[in-house]
Amino acid sequence: MMVDDFLRKQDLIGLNETEVMERLGADDNGMFAGDNSRQAVYNLGTARAVMAVHDETLYIYFDDQGHVDRYEIKVR
């Protein structure tokens, strides 16, 4: 999947929110994250599995200084 290739080539750790938005575009926080301003959320589309019915979502978590400290892909 394209996101896997992107994450292998781009190190998001340590980037600030503006830098993340420059690389990935506007996030989908309005749909997914609710009130949590310490994360960016990107809907990646249908999960990569046979007969998949759920979407994959990229969660990017920011530390207290506003820099990425971790990220993960979850199936929703």
PDB file of N, CA and C in Angstrom:
ATOM      1  N   MET A   1       0.841  -1.174   0.000  1.00  0.00           N
ATOM      2  CA  MET A   1       0.000   0.000   0.000  1.00  0.00           C
ATOM      3  C   MET A   1       0.890   1.243   0.000  1.00  0.00           C
ATOM      4  N   MET A   2       0.401   2.296  -0.571  1.00  0.00           N
ATOM      5  CA  MET A   2       1.163   3.519  -0.708  1.00  0.00           C
ATOM      6  C   MET A   2       1.595   4.088   0.650  1.00  0.00           C
ATOM      7  N   VAL A   3       0.748   4.002   1.663  1.00  0.00           N
ATOM      8  CA  VAL A   3       1.097   4.555   2.973  1.00  0.00           C
ATOM      9  C   VAL A   3       2.280   3.807   3.582  1.00  0.00           C
ATOM     10  N   ASP A   4       2.371   2.503   3.373  1.00  0.00           N
ATOM     11  CA  ASP A   4       3.502   1.737   3.897  1.00  0.00           C
ATOM     12  C   ASP A   4       4.805   2.225   3.275  1.00  0.00           C
ATOM     13  N   ASP A   5       4.787   2.427   1.978  1.00  0.00           N
ATOM     14  CA  ASP A   5       5.965   2.931   1.281  1.00  0.00           C
ATOM     15  C   ASP A   5       6.334   4.321   1.786  1.00  0.00           C
ATOM     16  N   PHE A   6       5.340   5.169   1.946  1.00  0.00           N
ATOM     17  CA  PHE A   6       5.574   6.521   2.452  1.00  0.00           C
ATOM     18  C   PHE A   6       6.205   6.486   3.843  1.00  0.00           C
ATOM     19  N   LEU A   7       5.652   5.684   4.738  1.00  0.00           N
ATOM     20  CA  LEU A   7       6.153   5.622   6.113  1.00  0.00           C
ATOM     21  C   LEU A   7       7.555   5.024   6.183  1.00  0.00           C
ATOM     22  N   ARG A   8       7.901   4.145   5.237  1.00  0.00           N
ATOM     23  CA  ARG A   8       9.259   3.609   5.181  1.00  0.00           C
ATOM     24  C   ARG A   8      10.256   4.684   4.752  1.00  0.00           C
ATOM     25  N   LYS A   9       9.828   5.565   3.848  1.00  0.00           N
ATOM     26  CA  LYS A   9      10.725   6.579   3.285  1.00  0.00           C
ATOM     27  C   LYS A   9      10.759   7.875   4.091  1.00  0.00           C
ATOM     28  N   GLN A  10       9.687   8.199   4.787  1.00  0.00           N
ATOM     29  CA  GLN A  10       9.577   9.449   5.541  1.00  0.00           C
ATOM     30  C   GLN A  10       9.561   9.142   7.029  1.00  0.00           C
ATOM     31  N   ASP A  11      10.442   9.773   7.760  1.00  0.00           N
ATOM     32  CA  ASP A  11      10.435   9.609   9.205  1.00  0.00           C
ATOM     33  C   ASP A  11       9.597  10.727   9.802  1.00  0.00           C
ATOM     34  N   LEU A  12       8.409  10.402  10.295  1.00  0.00           N
ATOM     35  CA  LEU A  12       7.514  11.403  10.865  1.00  0.00           C
ATOM     36  C   LEU A  12       7.889  11.790  12.292  1.00  0.00           C
ATOM     37  N   ILE A  13       8.621  10.922  12.976  1.00  0.00           N
ATOM     38  CA  ILE A  13       8.980  11.174  14.369  1.00  0.00           C
ATOM     39  C   ILE A  13       9.760  12.485  14.463  1.00  0.00           C
ATOM     40  N   GLY A  14       9.294  13.359  15.366  1.00  0.00           N
ATOM     41  CA  GLY A  14       9.962  14.628  15.589  1.00  0.00           C
ATOM     42  C   GLY A  14       9.408  15.791  14.779  1.00  0.00           C
ATOM     43  N   LEU A  15       8.589  15.491  13.749  1.00  0.00           N
ATOM     44  CA  LEU A  15       8.002  16.567  12.961  1.00  0.00           C
ATOM     45  C   LEU A  15       6.942  17.288  13.774  1.00  0.00           C
ATOM     46  N   ASN A  16       6.736  18.577  13.496  1.00  0.00           N
ATOM     47  CA  ASN A  16       5.632  19.283  14.139  1.00  0.00           C
ATOM     48  C   ASN A  16       4.384  19.156  13.275  1.00  0.00           C
ATOM     49  N   GLU A  17       3.262  19.644  13.767  1.00  0.00           N
ATOM     50  CA  GLU A  17       1.988  19.473  13.060  1.00  0.00           C
ATOM     51  C   GLU A  17       2.009  20.105  11.678  1.00  0.00           C
ATOM     52  N   THR A  18       2.601  21.274  11.551  1.00  0.00           N
ATOM     53  CA  THR A  18       2.674  21.935  10.245  1.00  0.00           C
ATOM     54  C   THR A  18       3.447  21.089   9.251  1.00  0.00           C
ATOM     55  N   GLU A  19       4.563  20.509   9.683  1.00  0.00           N
ATOM     56  CA  GLU A  19       5.369  19.662   8.801  1.00  0.00           C
ATOM     57  C   GLU A  19       4.609  18.405   8.384  1.00  0.00           C
ATOM     58  N   VAL A  20       3.835  17.841   9.304  1.00  0.00           N
ATOM     59  CA  VAL A  20       3.012  16.671   8.971  1.00  0.00           C
ATOM     60  C   VAL A  20       1.978  17.057   7.911  1.00  0.00           C
ATOM     61  N   MET A  21       1.314  18.197   8.099  1.00  0.00           N
ATOM     62  CA  MET A  21       0.297  18.647   7.149  1.00  0.00           C
ATOM     63  C   MET A  21       0.908  18.945   5.773  1.00  0.00           C
ATOM     64  N   GLU A  22       2.131  19.462   5.749  1.00  0.00           N
ATOM     65  CA  GLU A  22       2.808  19.719   4.474  1.00  0.00           C
ATOM     66  C   GLU A  22       3.060  18.425   3.713  1.00  0.00           C
ATOM     67  N   ARG A  23       3.348  17.358   4.422  1.00  0.00           N
ATOM     68  CA  ARG A  23       3.650  16.074   3.780  1.00  0.00           C
ATOM     69  C   ARG A  23       2.399  15.272   3.437  1.00  0.00           C
ATOM     70  N   LEU A  24       1.381  15.332   4.311  1.00  0.00           N
ATOM     71  CA  LEU A  24       0.207  14.477   4.137  1.00  0.00           C
ATOM     72  C   LEU A  24      -1.074  15.220   3.764  1.00  0.00           C
ATOM     73  N   GLY A  25      -1.073  16.535   3.864  1.00  0.00           N
ATOM     74  CA  GLY A  25      -2.285  17.300   3.604  1.00  0.00           C
ATOM     75  C   GLY A  25      -3.148  17.376   4.853  1.00  0.00           C
ATOM     76  N   ALA A  26      -4.311  17.985   4.695  1.00  0.00           N
ATOM     77  CA  ALA A  26      -5.229  18.152   5.824  1.00  0.00           C
ATOM     78  C   ALA A  26      -5.657  16.796   6.355  1.00  0.00           C
ATOM     79  N   ASP A  27      -5.797  16.718   7.671  1.00  0.00           N
ATOM     80  CA  ASP A  27      -6.200  15.450   8.273  1.00  0.00           C
ATOM     81  C   ASP A  27      -7.721  15.341   8.363  1.00  0.00           C
ATOM     82  N   ASP A  28      -8.184  14.203   8.841  1.00  0.00           N
ATOM     83  CA  ASP A  28      -9.617  13.913   8.960  1.00  0.00           C
ATOM     84  C   ASP A  28     -10.075  14.015  10.403  1.00  0.00           C
ATOM     85  N   ASN A  29      -9.435  14.863  11.209  1.00  0.00           N
ATOM     86  CA  ASN A  29      -9.765  14.960  12.629  1.00  0.00           C
ATOM     87  C   ASN A  29     -11.234  15.241  12.880  1.00  0.00           C
ATOM     88  N   GLY A  30     -11.850  16.056  12.071  1.00  0.00           N
ATOM     89  CA  GLY A  30     -13.254  16.385  12.274  1.00  0.00           C
ATOM     90  C   GLY A  30     -14.151  15.162  12.264  1.00  0.00           C
ATOM     91  N   MET A  31     -13.763  14.137  11.517  1.00  0.00           N
ATOM     92  CA  MET A  31     -14.561  12.919  11.423  1.00  0.00           C
ATOM     93  C   MET A  31     -14.195  11.889  12.479  1.00  0.00           C
ATOM     94  N   PHE A  32     -12.927  11.871  12.917  1.00  0.00           N
ATOM     95  CA  PHE A  32     -12.454  10.747  13.715  1.00  0.00           C
ATOM     96  C   PHE A  32     -11.935  11.079  15.095  1.00  0.00           C
ATOM     97  N   ALA A  33     -11.229  12.166  15.283  1.00  0.00           N
ATOM     98  CA  ALA A  33     -10.476  12.366  16.517  1.00  0.00           C
ATOM     99  C   ALA A  33     -11.276  13.017  17.627  1.00  0.00           C
ATOM    100  N   GLY A  34     -12.328  13.727  17.284  1.00  0.00           N
ATOM    101  CA  GLY A  34     -13.082  14.395  18.332  1.00  0.00           C
ATOM    102  C   GLY A  34     -12.298  15.553  18.907  1.00  0.00           C
ATOM    103  N   ASP A  35     -12.185  15.591  20.224  1.00  0.00           N
ATOM    104  CA  ASP A  35     -11.541  16.709  20.901  1.00  0.00           C
ATOM    105  C   ASP A  35     -10.026  16.559  21.059  1.00  0.00           C
ATOM    106  N   ASN A  36      -9.461  15.443  20.681  1.00  0.00           N
ATOM    107  CA  ASN A  36      -8.046  15.214  20.940  1.00  0.00           C
ATOM    108  C   ASN A  36      -7.189  15.983  19.944  1.00  0.00           C
ATOM    109  N   SER A  37      -6.655  17.132  20.384  1.00  0.00           N
ATOM    110  CA  SER A  37      -5.845  17.956  19.499  1.00  0.00           C
ATOM    111  C   SER A  37      -4.397  17.476  19.442  1.00  0.00           C
ATOM    112  N   ARG A  38      -4.058  16.453  20.209  1.00  0.00           N
ATOM    113  CA  ARG A  38      -2.696  15.929  20.200  1.00  0.00           C
ATOM    114  C   ARG A  38      -2.531  14.758  19.246  1.00  0.00           C
ATOM    115  N   GLN A  39      -3.419  14.671  18.269  1.00  0.00           N
ATOM    116  CA  GLN A  39      -3.252  13.636  17.256  1.00  0.00           C
ATOM    117  C   GLN A  39      -3.805  14.121  15.926  1.00  0.00           C
ATOM    118  N   ALA A  40      -3.263  13.558  14.881  1.00  0.00           N
ATOM    119  CA  ALA A  40      -3.795  13.767  13.539  1.00  0.00           C
ATOM    120  C   ALA A  40      -4.305  12.407  13.084  1.00  0.00           C
ATOM    121  N   VAL A  41      -5.402  12.404  12.361  1.00  0.00           N
ATOM    122  CA  VAL A  41      -6.038  11.157  11.953  1.00  0.00           C
ATOM    123  C   VAL A  41      -6.291  11.200  10.451  1.00  0.00           C
ATOM    124  N   TYR A  42      -5.876  10.131   9.751  1.00  0.00           N
ATOM    125  CA  TYR A  42      -6.065  10.042   8.304  1.00  0.00           C
ATOM    126  C   TYR A  42      -6.769   8.739   7.963  1.00  0.00           C
ATOM    127  N   ASN A  43      -7.916   8.837   7.315  1.00  0.00           N
ATOM    128  CA  ASN A  43      -8.626   7.654   6.837  1.00  0.00           C
ATOM    129  C   ASN A  43      -7.894   7.144   5.600  1.00  0.00           C
ATOM    130  N   LEU A  44      -7.439   5.886   5.646  1.00  0.00           N
ATOM    131  CA  LEU A  44      -6.674   5.305   4.545  1.00  0.00           C
ATOM    132  C   LEU A  44      -7.528   4.481   3.591  1.00  0.00           C
ATOM    133  N   GLY A  45      -8.791   4.301   3.922  1.00  0.00           N
ATOM    134  CA  GLY A  45      -9.672   3.513   3.068  1.00  0.00           C
ATOM    135  C   GLY A  45      -9.811   2.084   3.569  1.00  0.00           C
ATOM    136  N   THR A  46     -10.359   1.235   2.742  1.00  0.00           N
ATOM    137  CA  THR A  46     -10.664  -0.149   3.109  1.00  0.00           C
ATOM    138  C   THR A  46      -9.407  -0.912   3.507  1.00  0.00           C
ATOM    139  N   ALA A  47      -9.524  -1.672   4.567  1.00  0.00           N
ATOM    140  CA  ALA A  47      -8.411  -2.465   5.089  1.00  0.00           C
ATOM    141  C   ALA A  47      -7.901  -3.433   4.030  1.00  0.00           C
ATOM    142  N   ARG A  48      -6.620  -3.773   4.158  1.00  0.00           N
ATOM    143  CA  ARG A  48      -5.972  -4.665   3.191  1.00  0.00           C
ATOM    144  C   ARG A  48      -6.128  -6.119   3.600  1.00  0.00           C
ATOM    145  N   ALA A  49      -7.289  -6.653   3.436  1.00  0.00           N
ATOM    146  CA  ALA A  49      -7.540  -8.055   3.756  1.00  0.00           C
ATOM    147  C   ALA A  49      -8.616  -8.565   2.804  1.00  0.00           C
ATOM    148  N   VAL A  50      -8.601  -9.854   2.582  1.00  0.00           N
ATOM    149  CA  VAL A  50      -9.632 -10.452   1.739  1.00  0.00           C
ATOM    150  C   VAL A  50     -10.980 -10.237   2.404  1.00  0.00           C
ATOM    151  N   MET A  51     -11.958  -9.787   1.655  1.00  0.00           N
ATOM    152  CA  MET A  51     -13.306  -9.543   2.157  1.00  0.00           C
ATOM    153  C   MET A  51     -13.324  -8.476   3.262  1.00  0.00           C
ATOM    154  N   ALA A  52     -12.443  -7.514   3.184  1.00  0.00           N
ATOM    155  CA  ALA A  52     -12.371  -6.467   4.198  1.00  0.00           C
ATOM    156  C   ALA A  52     -13.631  -5.611   4.175  1.00  0.00           C
ATOM    157  N   VAL A  53     -14.127  -5.296   5.351  1.00  0.00           N
ATOM    158  CA  VAL A  53     -15.304  -4.435   5.463  1.00  0.00           C
ATOM    159  C   VAL A  53     -15.030  -3.217   6.338  1.00  0.00           C
ATOM    160  N   HIS A  54     -13.831  -3.140   6.883  1.00  0.00           N
ATOM    161  CA  HIS A  54     -13.471  -2.036   7.760  1.00  0.00           C
ATOM    162  C   HIS A  54     -12.430  -1.150   7.085  1.00  0.00           C
ATOM    163  N   ASP A  55     -12.305   0.070   7.581  1.00  0.00           N
ATOM    164  CA  ASP A  55     -11.315   1.001   7.066  1.00  0.00           C
ATOM    165  C   ASP A  55     -10.064   0.985   7.929  1.00  0.00           C
ATOM    166  N   GLU A  56      -8.935   1.295   7.293  1.00  0.00           N
ATOM    167  CA  GLU A  56      -7.694   1.511   8.028  1.00  0.00           C
ATOM    168  C   GLU A  56      -7.540   3.007   8.272  1.00  0.00           C
ATOM    169  N   THR A  57      -7.003   3.348   9.426  1.00  0.00           N
ATOM    170  CA  THR A  57      -6.840   4.742   9.815  1.00  0.00           C
ATOM    171  C   THR A  57      -5.450   4.929  10.379  1.00  0.00           C
ATOM    172  N   LEU A  58      -4.763   5.972   9.910  1.00  0.00           N
ATOM    173  CA  LEU A  58      -3.445   6.326  10.414  1.00  0.00           C
ATOM    174  C   LEU A  58      -3.614   7.350  11.529  1.00  0.00           C
ATOM    175  N   TYR A  59      -3.128   7.011  12.717  1.00  0.00           N
ATOM    176  CA  TYR A  59      -3.145   7.916  13.864  1.00  0.00           C
ATOM    177  C   TYR A  59      -1.720   8.399  14.099  1.00  0.00           C
ATOM    178  N   ILE A  60      -1.552   9.714  14.174  1.00  0.00           N
ATOM    179  CA  ILE A  60      -0.259  10.318  14.449  1.00  0.00           C
ATOM    180  C   ILE A  60      -0.397  11.065  15.770  1.00  0.00           C
ATOM    181  N   TYR A  61       0.429  10.709  16.739  1.00  0.00           N
ATOM    182  CA  TYR A  61       0.330  11.275  18.088  1.00  0.00           C
ATOM    183  C   TYR A  61       1.450  12.288  18.322  1.00  0.00           C
ATOM    184  N   PHE A  62       1.072  13.450  18.868  1.00  0.00           N
ATOM    185  CA  PHE A  62       2.020  14.517  19.161  1.00  0.00           C
ATOM    186  C   PHE A  62       2.297  14.573  20.664  1.00  0.00           C
ATOM    187  N   ASP A  63       3.539  14.908  21.010  1.00  0.00           N
ATOM    188  CA  ASP A  63       3.905  15.059  22.425  1.00  0.00           C
ATOM    189  C   ASP A  63       3.500  16.441  22.935  1.00  0.00           C
ATOM    190  N   ASP A  64       3.852  16.746  24.161  1.00  0.00           N
ATOM    191  CA  ASP A  64       3.477  18.023  24.778  1.00  0.00           C
ATOM    192  C   ASP A  64       4.087  19.238  24.079  1.00  0.00           C
ATOM    193  N   GLN A  65       5.180  19.037  23.348  1.00  0.00           N
ATOM    194  CA  GLN A  65       5.810  20.134  22.609  1.00  0.00           C
ATOM    195  C   GLN A  65       5.279  20.253  21.184  1.00  0.00           C
ATOM    196  N   GLY A  66       4.334  19.371  20.816  1.00  0.00           N
ATOM    197  CA  GLY A  66       3.727  19.441  19.488  1.00  0.00           C
ATOM    198  C   GLY A  66       4.479  18.718  18.391  1.00  0.00           C
ATOM    199  N   HIS A  67       5.345  17.767  18.764  1.00  0.00           N
ATOM    200  CA  HIS A  67       6.101  16.985  17.782  1.00  0.00           C
ATOM    201  C   HIS A  67       5.610  15.541  17.795  1.00  0.00           C
ATOM    202  N   VAL A  68       5.690  14.890  16.644  1.00  0.00           N
ATOM    203  CA  VAL A  68       5.260  13.491  16.534  1.00  0.00           C
ATOM    204  C   VAL A  68       6.141  12.633  17.422  1.00  0.00           C
ATOM    205  N   ASP A  69       5.492  11.853  18.303  1.00  0.00           N
ATOM    206  CA  ASP A  69       6.269  10.909  19.106  1.00  0.00           C
ATOM    207  C   ASP A  69       5.990   9.463  18.717  1.00  0.00           C
ATOM    208  N   ARG A  70       4.856   9.244  18.011  1.00  0.00           N
ATOM    209  CA  ARG A  70       4.572   7.878  17.511  1.00  0.00           C
ATOM    210  C   ARG A  70       3.403   7.947  16.540  1.00  0.00           C
ATOM    211  N   TYR A  71       3.227   6.866  15.808  1.00  0.00           N
ATOM    212  CA  TYR A  71       2.072   6.754  14.907  1.00  0.00           C
ATOM    213  C   TYR A  71       1.747   5.272  14.754  1.00  0.00           C
ATOM    214  N   GLU A  72       0.515   5.000  14.345  1.00  0.00           N
ATOM    215  CA  GLU A  72       0.087   3.626  14.155  1.00  0.00           C
ATOM    216  C   GLU A  72      -1.077   3.578  13.168  1.00  0.00           C
ATOM    217  N   ILE A  73      -1.248   2.433  12.547  1.00  0.00           N
ATOM    218  CA  ILE A  73      -2.383   2.203  11.663  1.00  0.00           C
ATOM    219  C   ILE A  73      -3.323   1.256  12.385  1.00  0.00           C
ATOM    220  N   LYS A  74      -4.583   1.663  12.496  1.00  0.00           N
ATOM    221  CA  LYS A  74      -5.608   0.844  13.149  1.00  0.00           C
ATOM    222  C   LYS A  74      -6.711   0.519  12.146  1.00  0.00           C
ATOM    223  N   VAL A  75      -7.332  -0.629  12.350  1.00  0.00           N
ATOM    224  CA  VAL A  75      -8.493  -1.018  11.562  1.00  0.00           C
ATOM    225  C   VAL A  75      -9.725  -0.612  12.352  1.00  0.00           C
ATOM    226  N   ARG A  76     -10.608   0.150  11.726  1.00  0.00           N
ATOM    227  CA  ARG A  76     -11.806   0.644  12.403  1.00  0.00           C
ATOM    228  C   ARG A  76     -13.026  -0.018  11.811  1.00  0.00           C
TER     229      ARG A  76
END
